[in-house]
C-alpha atoms as a PDB file:
ATOM      1  CA  MET A   1       0.046  -0.070   0.029  1.00  0.00           C
ATOM      2  CA  ARG A   2       1.134   3.478  -0.839  1.00  0.00           C
ATOM      3  CA  THR A   3       0.318   6.622   0.969  1.00  0.00           C
ATOM      4  CA  TYR A   4       0.013   9.917  -0.568  1.00  0.00           C
ATOM      5  CA  PHE A   5      -0.334  13.561   0.985  1.00  0.00           C
ATOM      6  CA  LYS A   6      -1.747  16.311  -1.023  1.00  0.00           C
ATOM      7  CA  LYS A   7      -1.447  19.945  -0.329  1.00  0.00           C
ATOM      8  CA  ASN A   8      -4.392  20.293   2.097  1.00  0.00           C
ATOM      9  CA  LYS A   9      -3.088  17.236   4.108  1.00  0.00           C
ATOM     10  CA  MET A  10      -5.649  14.827   2.845  1.00  0.00           C
ATOM     11  CA  LYS A  11      -4.122  11.182   2.949  1.00  0.00           C
ATOM     12  CA  ILE A  12      -4.708   8.974   0.148  1.00  0.00           C
ATOM     13  CA  SER A  13      -4.033   5.325   0.208  1.00  0.00           C
ATOM     14  CA  VAL A  14      -3.711   3.197  -2.739  1.00  0.00           C
ATOM     15  CA  ASN A  15      -3.958  -0.465  -2.685  1.00  0.00           C
ATOM     16  CA  TYR A  16      -2.117  -1.921  -5.686  1.00  0.00           C
ATOM     17  CA  LYS A  17      -0.631  -5.236  -6.853  1.00  0.00           C
ATOM     18  CA  GLU A  18       2.671  -5.433  -8.475  1.00  0.00           C
ATOM     19  CA  THR A  19       2.531  -6.758 -12.118  1.00  0.00           C
ATOM     20  CA  ASN A  20       4.604  -7.055 -14.875  1.00  0.00           C
ATOM     21  CA  ASN A  21       4.256  -3.827 -16.797  1.00  0.00           C
ATOM     22  CA  GLU A  22       5.120  -5.645 -20.187  1.00  0.00           C
ATOM     23  CA  ILE A  23       2.516  -4.662 -22.581  1.00  0.00           C
ATOM     24  CA  LEU A  24       1.005  -7.664 -24.614  1.00  0.00           C
ATOM     25  CA  LYS A  25       1.898  -7.925 -28.363  1.00  0.00           C
ATOM     26  CA  VAL A  26       1.413 -10.243 -31.077  1.00  0.00           C
ATOM     27  CA  ASP A  27       5.050 -11.419 -32.023  1.00  0.00           C
ATOM     28  CA  SER A  28       3.895 -13.590 -35.282  1.00  0.00           C
ATOM     29  CA  ALA A  29       0.734 -14.896 -36.802  1.00  0.00           C
ATOM     30  CA  GLN A  30       0.582 -17.544 -39.441  1.00  0.00           C
ATOM     31  CA  CYS A  31      -2.816 -18.406 -41.118  1.00  0.00           C
ATOM     32  CA  LEU A  32      -3.246 -22.292 -40.991  1.00  0.00           C
ATOM     33  CA  SER A  33      -6.309 -23.209 -42.446  1.00  0.00           C
ATOM     34  CA  ASP A  34     -10.074 -22.041 -43.426  1.00  0.00           C
ATOM     35  CA  PHE A  35      -9.714 -18.853 -41.168  1.00  0.00           C
ATOM     36  CA  VAL A  36      -7.819 -20.195 -38.181  1.00  0.00           C
ATOM     37  CA  ILE A  37      -4.584 -18.148 -37.499  1.00  0.00           C
ATOM     38  CA  LYS A  38      -2.036 -19.365 -34.962  1.00  0.00           C
ATOM     39  CA  ILE A  39      -0.879 -16.298 -33.017  1.00  0.00           C
ATOM     40  CA  LYS A  40       2.190 -16.080 -30.734  1.00  0.00           C
ATOM     41  CA  PHE A  41       2.271 -13.363 -28.135  1.00  0.00           C
ATOM     42  CA  SER A  42       5.282 -11.421 -26.398  1.00  0.00           C
ATOM     43  CA  ASP A  43       4.921 -13.519 -23.517  1.00  0.00           C
ATOM     44  CA  GLY A  44       5.542 -16.591 -25.207  1.00  0.00           C
ATOM     45  CA  THR A  45       1.749 -18.079 -25.361  1.00  0.00           C
ATOM     46  CA  ALA A  46       0.334 -19.121 -28.484  1.00  0.00           C
ATOM     47  CA  ARG A  47      -3.353 -19.589 -29.508  1.00  0.00           C
ATOM     48  CA  LEU A  48      -5.392 -20.930 -32.382  1.00  0.00           C
ATOM     49  CA  VAL A  49      -7.906 -18.473 -33.186  1.00  0.00           C
ATOM     50  CA  ASP A  50     -10.909 -19.546 -35.260  1.00  0.00           C
ATOM     51  CA  PHE A  51     -12.426 -16.149 -37.186  1.00  0.00           C
ATOM     52  CA  LYS A  52     -14.777 -17.903 -39.361  1.00  0.00           C
ATOM     53  CA  PRO A  53     -17.889 -17.949 -36.706  1.00  0.00           C
ATOM     54  CA  PHE A  54     -17.514 -14.321 -36.221  1.00  0.00           C
ATOM     55  CA  LEU A  55     -17.053 -13.549 -39.990  1.00  0.00           C
ATOM     56  CA  SER A  56     -19.828 -15.645 -41.162  1.00  0.00           C
ATOM     57  CA  LYS A  57     -22.241 -14.290 -38.483  1.00  0.00           C
ATOM     58  CA  SER A  58     -21.519 -10.676 -39.542  1.00  0.00           C
ATOM     59  CA  ILE A  59     -23.959  -8.913 -41.938  1.00  0.00           C
ATOM     60  CA  HIS A  60     -21.884  -5.680 -42.122  1.00  0.00           C
ATOM     61  CA  PRO A  61     -20.278  -5.400 -45.551  1.00  0.00           C
ATOM     62  CA  SER A  62     -16.783  -4.238 -44.482  1.00  0.00           C
ATOM     63  CA  ILE A  63     -16.637  -7.202 -42.233  1.00  0.00           C
ATOM     64  CA  LYS A  64     -18.200  -9.682 -44.534  1.00  0.00           C
ATOM     65  CA  LYS A  65     -15.777  -9.271 -47.287  1.00  0.00           C
ATOM     66  CA  TYR A  66     -13.192 -10.940 -45.042  1.00  0.00           C
ATOM     67  CA  THR A  67     -15.052 -14.153 -45.708  1.00  0.00           C
ATOM     68  CA  ASP A  68     -13.000 -14.083 -48.914  1.00  0.00           C
ATOM     69  CA  LYS A  69      -9.956 -15.976 -48.112  1.00  0.00           C
ATOM     70  CA  ASN A  70      -7.697 -13.283 -50.419  1.00  0.00           C
ATOM     71  CA  TYR A  71      -8.699 -10.586 -47.865  1.00  0.00           C
ATOM     72  CA  PHE A  72      -8.689 -12.764 -44.823  1.00  0.00           C
ATOM     73  CA  THR A  73      -5.167 -13.943 -45.239  1.00  0.00           C
ATOM     74  CA  ASN A  74      -3.721 -10.628 -46.305  1.00  0.00           C
ATOM     75  CA  PHE A  75      -2.840  -9.193 -42.747  1.00  0.00           C
ATOM     76  CA  LYS A  76      -0.057  -7.628 -41.088  1.00  0.00           C
ATOM     77  CA  ILE A  77       1.448  -7.165 -37.500  1.00  0.00           C
ATOM     78  CA  ILE A  78       1.378  -3.467 -37.017  1.00  0.00           C
ATOM     79  CA  ASP A  79       2.415  -2.118 -33.635  1.00  0.00           C
ATOM     80  CA  GLY A  80       1.939  -5.449 -31.894  1.00  0.00           C
ATOM     81  CA  ASN A  81      -1.632  -6.048 -33.400  1.00  0.00           C
ATOM     82  CA  LEU A  82      -3.055  -8.081 -36.073  1.00  0.00           C
ATOM     83  CA  ASN A  83      -4.146  -5.993 -38.377  1.00  0.00           C
ATOM     84  CA  TRP A  84      -6.000  -6.250 -41.780  1.00  0.00           C
ATOM     85  CA  ASN A  85      -5.981  -3.241 -44.427  1.00  0.00           C
ATOM     86  CA  ASP A  86      -4.847  -0.414 -42.489  1.00  0.00           C
ATOM     87  CA  TYR A  87      -6.913  -0.787 -39.278  1.00  0.00           C
ATOM     88  CA  ASP A  88     -10.091  -1.859 -41.625  1.00  0.00           C
ATOM     89  CA  LEU A  89     -10.389  -4.842 -39.490  1.00  0.00           C
ATOM     90  CA  ILE A  90      -8.660  -5.183 -36.039  1.00  0.00           C
ATOM     91  CA  PHE A  91      -9.459  -7.170 -32.789  1.00  0.00           C
ATOM     92  CA  PRO A  92      -8.972  -6.355 -29.084  1.00  0.00           C
ATOM     93  CA  ILE A  93      -5.328  -7.847 -27.839  1.00  0.00           C
ATOM     94  CA  TRP A  94      -7.292  -9.970 -24.969  1.00  0.00           C
ATOM     95  CA  ASP A  95      -9.707 -11.375 -26.992  1.00  0.00           C
ATOM     96  CA  LEU A  96      -7.100 -12.960 -29.419  1.00  0.00           C
ATOM     97  CA  TYR A  97      -5.073 -13.723 -26.328  1.00  0.00           C
ATOM     98  CA  ASN A  98      -8.059 -15.512 -24.919  1.00  0.00           C
ATOM     99  CA  GLY A  99      -8.653 -17.308 -28.261  1.00  0.00           C
ATOM    100  CA  LYS A 100     -12.262 -15.876 -28.377  1.00  0.00           C
ATOM    101  CA  ILE A 101     -13.505 -13.073 -30.765  1.00  0.00           C
END
């Protein structure tokens, strides 16, 4: 616990838990088959993420176009994120890490 004092002498106590301050990033990604990507993260964890259920349920044309394998397989890792077509399609890192989108 840390204690801080402000100018008006008010005491503020903050509980905190020490954690590793490393920011989780995507280190590598490989399309294996039919909309499944193997993603390796900066902490050494690897996940298989199946994007097909998400893509096939979407009715939005800007997402639905990624059911075309040519669009889907054209991703890049930018700033530690899995990124399609200059941020046209991107997912929260924690969703990818948990293997559920």
